[in-house]
Protein backbone atom coordinates (compact mmCIF):
# COMPACT_ATOMS: atom_id res chain seq x y z
CA UNK A 1 37.78 -46.54 41.60
CA UNK A 2 40.77 -44.60 42.83
CA UNK A 3 43.61 -46.80 44.04
CA UNK A 4 45.28 -46.13 47.38
CA UNK A 5 48.79 -44.85 46.92
CA UNK A 6 51.60 -46.29 48.99
CA UNK A 7 55.06 -44.92 49.62
CA UNK A 8 58.16 -46.16 51.39
CA UNK A 9 59.53 -44.27 54.38
CA UNK A 10 62.44 -44.93 56.70
CA UNK A 11 61.71 -44.22 60.35
CA UNK A 12 64.15 -43.97 63.26
CA UNK A 13 63.20 -46.37 66.04
CA UNK A 14 64.75 -44.02 68.59
CA UNK A 15 63.10 -40.67 67.90
CA UNK A 16 60.65 -41.30 65.04
CA UNK A 17 62.55 -39.18 62.50
CA UNK A 18 61.29 -39.80 58.95
CA UNK A 19 63.39 -39.98 55.81
CA UNK A 20 62.70 -40.96 52.21
CA UNK A 21 65.98 -42.88 52.07
CA UNK A 22 67.95 -45.06 54.44
CA UNK A 23 70.55 -43.27 56.57
CA UNK A 24 73.28 -44.79 58.67
CA UNK A 25 73.02 -42.10 61.33
CA UNK A 26 69.81 -40.41 62.41
CA UNK A 27 69.91 -36.59 62.11
CA UNK A 28 67.35 -36.33 64.90
CA UNK A 29 68.98 -38.29 67.74
CA UNK A 30 72.46 -39.02 66.25
CA UNK A 31 72.05 -42.77 66.83
CA UNK A 32 73.49 -45.29 64.37
CA UNK A 33 71.59 -48.03 62.49
CA UNK A 34 68.15 -47.13 63.84
CA UNK A 35 66.25 -46.69 60.55
CA UNK A 36 63.65 -49.27 59.56
CA UNK A 37 61.78 -49.45 56.26
CA UNK A 38 58.00 -49.06 56.38
CA UNK A 39 55.35 -48.89 53.69
CA UNK A 40 52.65 -46.34 54.49
CA UNK A 41 49.51 -45.27 52.65
CA UNK A 42 48.59 -41.71 51.88
CA UNK A 43 45.75 -40.69 54.16
CA UNK A 44 42.81 -38.57 53.21
CA UNK A 45 42.67 -35.09 54.69
CA UNK A 46 40.48 -35.11 57.76
CA UNK A 47 37.58 -32.63 57.77
CA UNK A 48 38.13 -29.54 59.87
CA UNK A 49 36.11 -29.36 63.09
CA UNK A 50 33.02 -27.22 63.13
CA UNK A 51 33.57 -23.62 64.01
CA UNK A 52 33.07 -22.95 67.69
CA UNK A 53 33.20 -26.61 68.79
CA UNK A 54 35.74 -25.74 71.47
CA UNK A 55 35.44 -22.67 73.69
CA UNK A 56 38.34 -20.59 74.99
CA UNK A 57 38.42 -20.46 78.79
CA UNK A 58 40.38 -18.61 81.43
CA UNK A 59 42.67 -20.94 83.35
CA UNK A 60 41.34 -19.65 86.67
CA UNK A 61 37.79 -20.61 85.62
CA UNK A 62 38.63 -24.26 84.89
CA UNK A 63 36.95 -26.46 87.51
CA UNK A 64 39.16 -29.17 89.00
CA UNK A 65 37.09 -30.13 92.03
CA UNK A 66 35.52 -33.01 90.11
CA UNK A 67 38.94 -34.57 89.38
CA UNK A 68 39.53 -37.19 92.08
CA UNK A 69 42.41 -39.63 92.02
CA UNK A 70 41.61 -43.33 91.95
CA UNK A 71 43.43 -45.05 94.80
CA UNK A 72 44.25 -48.74 94.51
CA UNK A 73 44.50 -49.48 98.21
CA UNK A 74 48.19 -50.36 97.80
CA UNK A 75 49.87 -47.49 99.71
CA UNK A 76 53.30 -47.89 98.10
CA UNK A 77 51.88 -47.65 94.59
CA UNK A 78 49.48 -44.81 95.41
CA UNK A 79 52.32 -42.79 96.92
CA UNK A 80 54.44 -43.50 93.82
CA UNK A 81 51.66 -42.08 91.64
CA UNK A 82 51.34 -38.95 93.76
CA UNK A 83 48.20 -40.05 95.59
CA UNK A 84 46.53 -42.29 93.03
CA UNK A 85 45.76 -42.54 89.32
CA UNK A 86 44.29 -39.41 87.72
CA UNK A 87 41.26 -40.33 85.52
CA UNK A 88 42.15 -39.99 81.85
CA UNK A 89 45.89 -40.26 82.46
CA UNK A 90 48.15 -42.63 80.52
CA UNK A 91 50.80 -44.62 82.43
CA UNK A 92 53.60 -46.47 80.63
CA UNK A 93 55.20 -49.31 82.59
CA UNK A 94 58.38 -50.89 81.31
CA UNK A 95 60.93 -53.42 82.50
CA UNK A 96 62.86 -56.54 81.58
CA UNK A 97 60.96 -59.71 80.59
CA UNK A 98 59.88 -61.70 83.63
CA UNK A 99 60.53 -58.91 86.11
CA UNK A 100 56.87 -58.84 87.27
CA UNK A 101 55.10 -56.12 85.24
CA UNK A 102 52.07 -58.24 84.35
CA UNK A 103 51.86 -59.63 87.86
CA UNK A 104 51.77 -56.17 89.44
CA UNK A 105 49.24 -54.85 86.94
CA UNK A 106 46.95 -57.86 87.41
CA UNK A 107 47.07 -57.28 91.17
CA UNK A 108 46.26 -53.59 90.64
CA UNK A 109 43.40 -54.56 88.33
CA UNK A 110 42.00 -56.78 91.08
CA UNK A 111 42.27 -53.99 93.67
CA UNK A 112 40.62 -51.38 91.45
CA UNK A 113 37.83 -53.80 90.46
CA UNK A 114 36.59 -54.18 94.02
CA UNK A 115 34.25 -51.23 93.46
CA UNK A 116 34.28 -50.39 89.72
CA UNK A 117 34.80 -52.05 86.33
CA UNK A 118 38.34 -52.78 85.12
CA UNK A 119 39.36 -53.99 81.65
CA UNK A 120 42.52 -56.07 81.20
CA UNK A 121 43.52 -56.37 77.52
CA UNK A 122 46.12 -59.04 76.78
CA UNK A 123 47.77 -59.30 73.39
CA UNK A 124 50.33 -61.89 74.51
CA UNK A 125 48.31 -64.40 76.56
CA UNK A 126 45.01 -66.21 76.20
CA UNK A 127 42.11 -65.94 78.65
CA UNK A 128 43.09 -69.28 80.18
CA UNK A 129 46.68 -68.19 80.75
CA UNK A 130 45.62 -64.97 82.47
CA UNK A 131 43.14 -66.93 84.61
CA UNK A 132 45.88 -69.36 85.68
CA UNK A 133 48.01 -66.44 86.84
CA UNK A 134 45.05 -64.92 88.67
CA UNK A 135 44.37 -68.24 90.42
CA UNK A 136 48.00 -68.48 91.47
CA UNK A 137 47.71 -65.00 93.00
CA UNK A 138 44.31 -65.90 94.58
CA UNK A 139 42.56 -63.03 92.77
CA UNK A 140 38.79 -63.14 92.32
CA UNK A 141 36.55 -60.28 91.24
CA UNK A 142 33.17 -59.82 89.54
CA UNK A 143 34.17 -56.49 87.99
CA UNK A 144 37.44 -57.54 86.30
CA UNK A 145 36.97 -58.12 82.56
CA UNK A 146 39.55 -59.85 80.32
CA UNK A 147 39.92 -59.24 76.58
CA UNK A 148 42.44 -61.01 74.33
CA UNK A 149 42.63 -58.80 71.27
CA UNK A 150 45.32 -57.06 69.20
CA UNK A 151 43.12 -54.95 66.90
CA UNK A 152 43.30 -51.50 68.45
CA UNK A 153 40.01 -50.35 66.92
CA UNK A 154 38.13 -53.27 68.49
CA UNK A 155 39.82 -52.52 71.81
CA UNK A 156 38.68 -48.91 71.49
CA UNK A 157 35.08 -50.03 70.92
CA UNK A 158 35.13 -52.25 74.03
CA UNK A 159 36.50 -49.40 76.16
CA UNK A 160 33.70 -47.10 75.00
CA UNK A 161 31.07 -49.77 75.62
CA UNK A 162 32.30 -51.03 79.01
CA UNK A 163 33.49 -47.62 80.34
CA UNK A 164 36.00 -49.08 82.84
CA UNK A 165 37.65 -46.96 85.52
CA UNK A 166 41.02 -48.57 84.68
CA UNK A 167 42.19 -50.11 81.38
CA UNK A 168 45.36 -52.16 81.10
CA UNK A 169 47.01 -52.91 77.73
CA UNK A 170 49.56 -55.74 77.88
CA UNK A 171 51.44 -54.85 75.78
CA UNK A 172 51.40 -51.84 73.45
CA UNK A 173 53.88 -53.57 71.10
CA UNK A 174 51.30 -56.28 70.31
CA UNK A 175 48.57 -53.83 69.28
CA UNK A 176 47.92 -53.20 65.58
CA UNK A 177 45.98 -50.60 63.61
CA UNK A 178 44.30 -52.28 60.62
CA UNK A 179 44.57 -49.16 58.44
CA UNK A 180 48.38 -49.13 58.61
CA UNK A 181 50.29 -51.29 56.14
CA UNK A 182 53.14 -52.01 58.56
CA UNK A 183 54.10 -54.93 60.75
CA UNK A 184 52.97 -55.25 64.35
CA UNK A 185 55.50 -53.60 66.67
CA UNK A 186 56.77 -51.16 64.05
CA UNK A 187 57.42 -47.55 64.98
CA UNK A 188 54.34 -46.29 63.14
CA UNK A 189 52.07 -48.92 64.69
CA UNK A 190 53.20 -48.16 68.25
CA UNK A 191 52.87 -44.42 67.77
CA UNK A 192 49.42 -44.50 66.14
CA UNK A 193 47.99 -47.12 68.53
CA UNK A 194 49.19 -45.11 71.52
CA UNK A 195 47.70 -41.91 70.12
CA UNK A 196 44.33 -43.60 69.56
CA UNK A 197 44.32 -45.08 73.07
CA UNK A 198 45.26 -41.73 74.59
CA UNK A 199 42.38 -40.02 72.83
CA UNK A 200 39.99 -42.71 74.04
CA UNK A 201 41.29 -42.48 77.62
CA UNK A 202 40.71 -38.72 77.71
CA UNK A 203 37.22 -39.03 76.22
CA UNK A 204 36.09 -41.89 78.47
CA UNK A 205 37.98 -40.63 81.56
CA UNK A 206 39.63 -44.00 82.17
CA UNK A 207 43.06 -44.52 83.69
CA UNK A 208 45.14 -46.24 81.01
CA UNK A 209 48.12 -48.50 81.76
CA UNK A 210 50.40 -49.48 78.86
CA UNK A 211 53.01 -52.23 79.21
CA UNK A 212 56.10 -51.40 77.13
CA UNK A 213 58.85 -53.79 76.13
CA UNK A 214 62.48 -52.71 76.37
CA UNK A 215 65.40 -53.12 73.99
CA UNK A 216 68.64 -54.93 74.77
CA UNK A 217 70.15 -51.56 75.70
CA UNK A 218 67.44 -51.10 78.37
CA UNK A 219 65.42 -48.38 76.59
CA UNK A 220 61.70 -48.60 75.91
CA UNK A 221 61.10 -50.22 72.53
CA UNK A 222 59.46 -48.04 69.92
CA UNK A 223 59.77 -44.33 69.13
CA UNK A 224 61.22 -42.06 71.80
CA UNK A 225 58.19 -39.83 71.36
CA UNK A 226 56.19 -42.54 73.15
CA UNK A 227 57.65 -41.41 76.49
CA UNK A 228 56.80 -37.78 75.69
CA UNK A 229 53.21 -38.65 74.80
CA UNK A 230 52.24 -40.43 78.02
CA UNK A 231 51.67 -38.77 81.41
CA UNK A 232 53.64 -41.18 83.61
CA UNK A 233 56.63 -43.42 82.86
CA UNK A 234 57.36 -46.24 85.33
CA UNK A 235 60.36 -48.59 85.24
CA UNK A 236 60.42 -51.87 87.14
CA UNK A 237 63.92 -52.93 88.13
CA UNK A 238 65.54 -55.65 90.18
CA UNK A 239 67.44 -58.90 89.95
CA UNK A 240 65.12 -61.70 88.82
CA UNK A 241 67.11 -64.08 91.03
CA UNK A 242 66.25 -62.02 94.14
CA UNK A 243 62.87 -61.32 95.69
CA UNK A 244 62.83 -57.52 95.66
CA UNK A 245 61.48 -55.31 92.85
CA UNK A 246 61.84 -51.53 92.57
CA UNK A 247 59.33 -49.46 90.60
CA UNK A 248 60.67 -45.99 89.75
CA UNK A 249 58.79 -43.07 88.21
CA UNK A 250 61.02 -41.37 85.65
CA UNK A 251 58.21 -39.02 84.62
CA UNK A 252 55.02 -37.97 86.35
CA UNK A 253 52.90 -35.00 85.30
CA UNK A 254 50.75 -35.34 88.41
CA UNK A 255 53.35 -36.03 91.09
CA UNK A 256 57.02 -36.09 91.99
CA UNK A 257 59.48 -37.66 89.60
CA UNK A 258 62.11 -40.21 90.63
CA UNK A 259 59.89 -41.60 93.38
CA UNK A 260 60.38 -45.31 94.06
CA UNK A 261 58.24 -48.08 95.47
CA UNK A 262 59.79 -51.33 96.73
CA UNK A 263 57.95 -54.65 96.48
CA UNK A 264 58.81 -58.18 97.50
CA UNK A 265 58.08 -61.01 95.08
CA UNK A 266 56.56 -64.13 96.62
CA UNK A 267 54.39 -67.05 95.54
CA UNK A 268 51.35 -64.88 96.24
CA UNK A 269 52.57 -62.03 94.04
CA UNK A 270 54.11 -58.67 94.91
CA UNK A 271 53.74 -57.30 98.43
CA UNK A 272 54.81 -53.80 99.45
CA UNK A 273 57.91 -53.17 101.56
CA UNK A 274 56.89 -50.47 104.04
CA UNK A 275 60.44 -49.65 105.18
CA UNK A 276 62.74 -49.86 102.11
CA UNK A 277 65.75 -48.51 104.05
CA UNK A 278 65.85 -51.71 106.11
CA UNK A 279 66.30 -53.64 102.86
CA UNK A 280 69.17 -51.49 101.60
CA UNK A 281 71.04 -51.44 104.95
CA UNK A 282 70.50 -55.02 106.04
CA UNK A 283 74.11 -55.41 107.27
CA UNK A 284 74.62 -51.84 108.55
CA UNK A 285 75.18 -52.89 112.18
CA UNK A 286 78.14 -55.09 111.29
CA UNK A 287 81.46 -53.25 111.57
CA UNK A 288 83.24 -54.18 108.33
CA UNK A 289 86.03 -52.35 106.51
CA UNK A 290 84.88 -50.77 103.26
CA UNK A 291 81.22 -50.27 104.24
CA UNK A 292 79.49 -46.90 104.74
CA UNK A 293 75.88 -45.67 104.99
CA UNK A 294 74.57 -42.73 102.94
CA UNK A 295 71.19 -41.09 102.35
CA UNK A 296 69.65 -40.53 98.92
CA UNK A 297 66.48 -38.71 97.91
CA UNK A 298 64.21 -40.74 95.65
CA UNK A 299 61.63 -38.12 94.76
CA UNK A 300 60.33 -36.90 98.11
CA UNK A 301 61.40 -40.01 100.03
CA UNK A 302 64.79 -40.22 101.81
CA UNK A 303 66.40 -43.66 101.80
CA UNK A 304 69.39 -45.01 103.65
CA UNK A 305 71.70 -47.00 101.39
CA UNK A 306 74.78 -49.09 102.12
CA UNK A 307 77.86 -48.56 99.95
CA UNK A 308 80.60 -51.17 99.83
CA UNK A 309 84.15 -50.64 98.62
CA UNK A 310 87.06 -52.97 98.05
CA UNK A 311 90.49 -51.39 97.64
CA UNK A 312 93.21 -53.98 97.06
CA UNK A 313 96.78 -53.89 95.67
CA UNK A 314 97.14 -54.64 91.97
CA UNK A 315 99.98 -56.17 89.98
CA UNK A 316 98.68 -54.76 86.73
CA UNK A 317 100.15 -51.60 85.12
CA UNK A 318 96.64 -50.08 84.97
CA UNK A 319 94.65 -51.05 88.10
CA UNK A 320 90.96 -51.72 87.57
CA UNK A 321 88.14 -49.35 88.57
CA UNK A 322 84.74 -51.08 88.75
CA UNK A 323 81.46 -49.53 89.89
CA UNK A 324 78.01 -51.07 90.27
CA UNK A 325 75.15 -48.68 90.93
CA UNK A 326 77.37 -45.57 90.89
CA UNK A 327 78.65 -43.54 87.97
CA UNK A 328 82.08 -44.81 86.92
CA UNK A 329 83.45 -41.28 86.44
CA UNK A 330 82.50 -40.39 90.02
CA UNK A 331 84.76 -43.18 91.28
CA UNK A 332 87.69 -41.83 89.26
CA UNK A 333 87.00 -38.30 90.51
CA UNK A 334 86.88 -39.16 94.21
CA UNK A 335 89.93 -41.42 93.91
CA UNK A 336 91.88 -38.54 92.35
CA UNK A 337 90.80 -36.15 95.14
CA UNK A 338 91.88 -38.61 97.86
CA UNK A 339 95.23 -39.17 96.19
CA UNK A 340 95.94 -35.48 95.58
CA UNK A 341 94.72 -33.93 98.83
CA UNK A 342 95.17 -36.74 101.37
CA UNK A 343 98.19 -38.47 99.86
CA UNK A 344 96.38 -41.81 99.67
CA UNK A 345 98.30 -43.89 97.13
CA UNK A 346 95.49 -45.35 95.06
CA UNK A 347 97.36 -45.44 91.75
CA UNK A 348 98.58 -48.95 92.60
CA UNK A 349 95.24 -50.15 94.00
CA UNK A 350 92.24 -51.75 92.35
CA UNK A 351 88.98 -50.06 93.40
CA UNK A 352 85.57 -51.73 93.41
CA UNK A 353 82.38 -49.88 94.47
CA UNK A 354 78.94 -51.49 94.88
CA UNK A 355 75.51 -50.23 95.97
CA UNK A 356 73.76 -52.85 98.09
CA UNK A 357 70.31 -53.78 96.83
CA UNK A 358 70.78 -53.05 93.13
CA UNK A 359 69.73 -49.38 93.25
CA UNK A 360 71.39 -46.89 90.89
CA UNK A 361 72.35 -43.59 92.54
CA UNK A 362 73.00 -40.34 90.68
CA UNK A 363 72.96 -37.56 93.27
CA UNK A 364 76.18 -35.94 94.62
CA UNK A 365 75.22 -36.34 98.31
CA UNK A 366 76.88 -39.78 98.33
CA UNK A 367 80.39 -38.42 97.64
CA UNK A 368 81.32 -38.35 101.32
CA UNK A 369 80.15 -41.93 101.83
CA UNK A 370 82.12 -43.17 98.82
CA UNK A 371 85.29 -41.48 100.06
CA UNK A 372 84.83 -42.98 103.54
CA UNK A 373 84.23 -46.46 102.12
CA UNK A 374 87.42 -46.19 100.03
CA UNK A 375 89.51 -45.01 102.99
CA UNK A 376 88.01 -47.66 105.24
CA UNK A 377 88.90 -50.45 102.84
CA UNK A 378 92.33 -48.99 102.04
CA UNK A 379 93.28 -48.81 105.74
CA UNK A 380 91.42 -52.04 106.61
CA UNK A 381 89.48 -50.17 109.30
CA UNK A 382 85.78 -50.46 110.01
CA UNK A 383 83.76 -47.28 110.37
CA UNK A 384 82.00 -46.84 113.71
CA UNK A 385 78.56 -48.51 113.38
CA UNK A 386 75.35 -46.44 113.22
CA UNK A 387 77.09 -43.59 111.36
CA UNK A 388 75.65 -41.94 108.24
CA UNK A 389 77.59 -39.75 105.79
CA UNK A 390 75.91 -36.97 103.83
CA UNK A 391 77.79 -34.49 101.64
CA UNK A 392 79.26 -33.56 98.27
CA UNK A 393 83.03 -33.27 97.76
CA UNK A 394 84.38 -30.43 95.62
CA UNK A 395 87.50 -30.69 93.48
CA UNK A 396 89.38 -28.46 95.93
CA UNK A 397 88.49 -30.73 98.84
CA UNK A 398 85.67 -28.72 100.45
CA UNK A 399 82.60 -30.56 101.72
CA UNK A 400 79.72 -28.85 99.93
CA UNK A 401 76.11 -28.62 101.23
CA UNK A 402 73.29 -30.75 99.83
CA UNK A 403 69.51 -30.11 99.70
CA UNK A 404 66.78 -31.70 101.83
CA UNK A 405 69.06 -32.09 104.85
CA UNK A 406 66.25 -32.04 107.44
CA UNK A 407 64.30 -34.75 105.61
CA UNK A 408 67.44 -36.89 105.46
CA UNK A 409 68.18 -36.42 109.18
CA UNK A 410 64.59 -37.28 110.10
CA UNK A 411 65.00 -40.63 108.31
CA UNK A 412 68.38 -41.20 110.00
CA UNK A 413 66.90 -40.61 113.44
CA UNK A 414 63.80 -42.71 112.68
CA UNK A 415 66.03 -45.72 111.98
CA UNK A 416 67.90 -45.23 115.29
CA UNK A 417 71.27 -44.21 113.88
CA UNK A 418 73.47 -42.48 116.43
CA UNK A 419 75.67 -40.14 114.37
CA UNK A 420 75.41 -38.18 111.12
CA UNK A 421 78.38 -36.57 109.38
CA UNK A 422 77.20 -33.58 107.31
CA UNK A 423 78.69 -30.45 105.66
CA UNK A 424 79.34 -27.49 107.98
CA UNK A 425 77.17 -25.22 105.80
CA UNK A 426 74.18 -27.52 106.32
CA UNK A 427 74.63 -27.69 110.08
CA UNK A 428 74.47 -23.90 110.38
CA UNK A 429 71.04 -23.87 108.67
CA UNK A 430 69.39 -26.59 110.77
CA UNK A 431 66.24 -25.21 112.38
CA UNK A 432 65.89 -27.82 115.12
CA UNK A 433 67.80 -30.27 117.25
CA UNK A 434 67.66 -34.03 116.78
CA UNK A 435 67.56 -35.78 120.14
CA UNK A 436 69.61 -38.95 120.32
CA UNK A 437 71.48 -38.09 117.10
CA UNK A 438 75.00 -36.68 117.21
CA UNK A 439 75.58 -34.34 114.27
CA UNK A 440 79.22 -33.90 113.27
CA UNK A 441 80.05 -31.32 110.63
CA UNK A 442 82.90 -31.32 108.13
CA UNK A 443 84.35 -28.39 106.23
CA UNK A 444 87.29 -29.99 104.41
CA UNK A 445 88.20 -33.47 103.24
CA UNK A 446 91.07 -33.75 105.77
CA UNK A 447 88.40 -34.00 108.49
CA UNK A 448 87.67 -37.54 107.29
CA UNK A 449 90.42 -38.90 109.54
CA UNK A 450 88.53 -37.59 112.59
CA UNK A 451 85.83 -40.21 112.13
CA UNK A 452 88.02 -43.08 110.92
CA UNK A 453 90.02 -44.95 113.58
CA UNK A 454 93.62 -45.81 112.76
CA UNK A 455 93.71 -49.20 111.13
CA UNK A 456 96.04 -52.01 110.22
CA UNK A 457 96.58 -51.00 106.59
CA UNK A 458 98.47 -48.07 105.06
CA UNK A 459 98.06 -44.70 106.80
């Protein structure tokens, strides 16, 4: 009898790069100390498929009418997914422990099971523990099946037998392939189990949800290729001490990326927040120095966000610059522009910037709002209430145009704001008038003083 041969490989936990020896730095992703030792067996060569098993087709002849998205009945989630879950798609949901991933997925399982079969596979909890959580959420369904199993091949058999419309795996790190001689949660196990589940999802036309753990750095645990393999990547964010949760799509092959859905955590589970802007601008009507309102585009949805700034004198030789929710380098850049072009002496001031609500903002359209918040705090002058700032600031001081201006202004008017400060180039291209909304344009950074009353602080 021929013995199975085993060999030792070192795999990068970040990108899956393989090496026959341990390396301090991965040549694939340039990360340090990411190699783990794994013992793998040599696999037999799989037989080639029969000739002619797959036919070549013209793309225009492929029928898509039969592909219908599965809607959950939760409008916020369905919009996040681009209209619902595409049958056969694979969705990876990640987030910090205790943030509410399992709670949301159990609620979705209940909603989907109202008409068709749903399979919830738990590798971390027993049937009794899942039932206790379902009772707490008041969830009852005759079509929701629970399976506590970690053997991926047995899970595959149950999926083929039950043929559910939705399958949930909680979590992919607990699944194990019996033919692999590696520990549960290893890079090879996660990759192979995901590949097997993906193949099963495509064959059985079931929507597959995978719960993914994250590392202490905030990245999804396992090989980076995991995010490339799946169709949708969702991140659940939020402060566990607060009631709001934000689900963001960082990848979506069937819809817009960087869409967000906002939920409120309560004793009855997660409920959708239909107007997220009201959450992010809760104190917008209060005239306070250092506070400004901006608009950001999260996928196709415009949101109004409140920025807060604190500019205070410092006795230290190197004043602090702290940002929460905004890129740190952006704060340094805007502070340098204000000091150079407006003569604002910020080199002796400590600057703190915070995005209300815990959202992280990347787009340049918030530059104008950050500059106004800094000036407002520096001069101890409150900005006129119900004013929104939209625009990018160039290094030479010009206010540059930003995309999706009409969508942003529609959201501003819908929330009853009275004035919007936008770049001059954007105002020239507006195709309609906005009744009840005063639109003030800016061409250069010196125009900021036109909308900021003279205050008690330095001028």
